[in-house]
Protein backbone atom coordinates (compact mmCIF):
# COMPACT_ATOMS: atom_id res chain seq x y z
CA GLY A 1 43.43 -68.01 71.82
CA GLU A 2 41.23 -70.37 70.30
CA ASN A 3 38.45 -71.94 72.61
CA GLY A 4 36.90 -74.53 69.85
CA ASN A 5 37.58 -76.75 66.73
CA LYS A 6 36.82 -76.64 63.33
CA VAL A 7 35.13 -79.35 62.14
CA ILE A 8 35.28 -79.81 58.17
CA GLY A 9 32.93 -82.32 56.34
CA GLU A 10 32.17 -82.90 52.69
CA ASN A 11 29.27 -80.64 52.78
CA PHE A 12 30.02 -78.26 55.55
CA THR A 13 32.09 -76.38 58.07
CA GLU A 14 31.39 -75.75 61.65
CA MET A 15 33.07 -74.26 64.41
CA ILE A 16 32.53 -76.32 67.92
CA PRO A 17 32.73 -73.90 70.86
CA LYS A 18 34.64 -75.87 73.83
CA GLU A 19 31.62 -74.72 76.30
CA ILE A 20 29.37 -77.14 74.52
CA ILE A 21 31.69 -80.18 74.37
CA SER A 22 30.37 -82.51 77.00
CA ASP A 23 32.76 -85.53 76.31
CA ILE A 24 35.39 -86.81 74.10
CA GLY A 25 35.81 -90.61 73.43
CA ILE A 26 38.83 -91.64 71.80
CA TYR A 27 39.07 -95.50 70.55
CA ASP A 28 41.40 -97.13 68.16
CA ASP A 29 38.78 -97.01 65.40
CA MET A 30 37.14 -93.64 65.89
CA ILE A 31 37.09 -90.62 68.14
CA LEU A 32 33.27 -89.32 69.46
CA ILE A 33 32.80 -85.64 70.16
CA PHE A 34 29.78 -85.60 72.76
CA LEU A 35 27.95 -82.07 72.47
CA ILE A 36 25.49 -80.87 74.92
CA GLY A 37 22.01 -81.60 73.66
CA TYR A 38 22.19 -85.24 72.46
CA ARG A 39 24.61 -84.07 69.25
CA GLY A 40 27.84 -85.23 68.31
CA TYR A 41 30.53 -86.05 65.86
CA PHE A 42 31.80 -89.61 64.94
CA ILE A 43 35.25 -89.30 63.30
CA PRO A 44 36.54 -92.70 62.00
CA THR A 45 40.46 -92.59 62.77
CA ARG A 46 41.10 -94.08 59.35
CA TYR A 47 41.05 -91.02 57.93
CA LEU A 48 43.65 -89.49 60.42
CA THR A 49 47.22 -90.68 60.01
CA GLY A 50 50.41 -90.46 62.03
CA GLU A 51 51.19 -86.98 63.09
CA ASN A 52 47.88 -85.36 62.04
CA LYS A 53 45.99 -88.19 64.31
CA GLU A 54 48.39 -87.38 67.13
CA GLN A 55 47.86 -83.62 66.58
CA PHE A 56 43.96 -83.83 66.31
CA ILE A 57 44.06 -85.98 69.49
CA ASN A 58 46.21 -83.50 71.52
CA LYS A 59 44.06 -80.66 70.36
CA LEU A 60 40.80 -82.36 71.30
CA MET A 61 42.31 -83.20 75.07
CA THR A 62 42.79 -79.39 75.19
CA LEU A 63 38.91 -78.94 75.01
CA LYS A 64 38.03 -81.68 77.52
């Protein structure tokens, strides 16, 4: 099975192994994925819509 999430940006694609995710914050306007070692990802929720947003959040919750 999968043990991470793929993050795709304009100029990069990165796999994030579950083991390096230290916390996940889900807010109305953003999702924060905190990684070990003072790194993280900021994802504005305005880029996620309806079912895609729900599926993404459900996937993140399995990684927590």
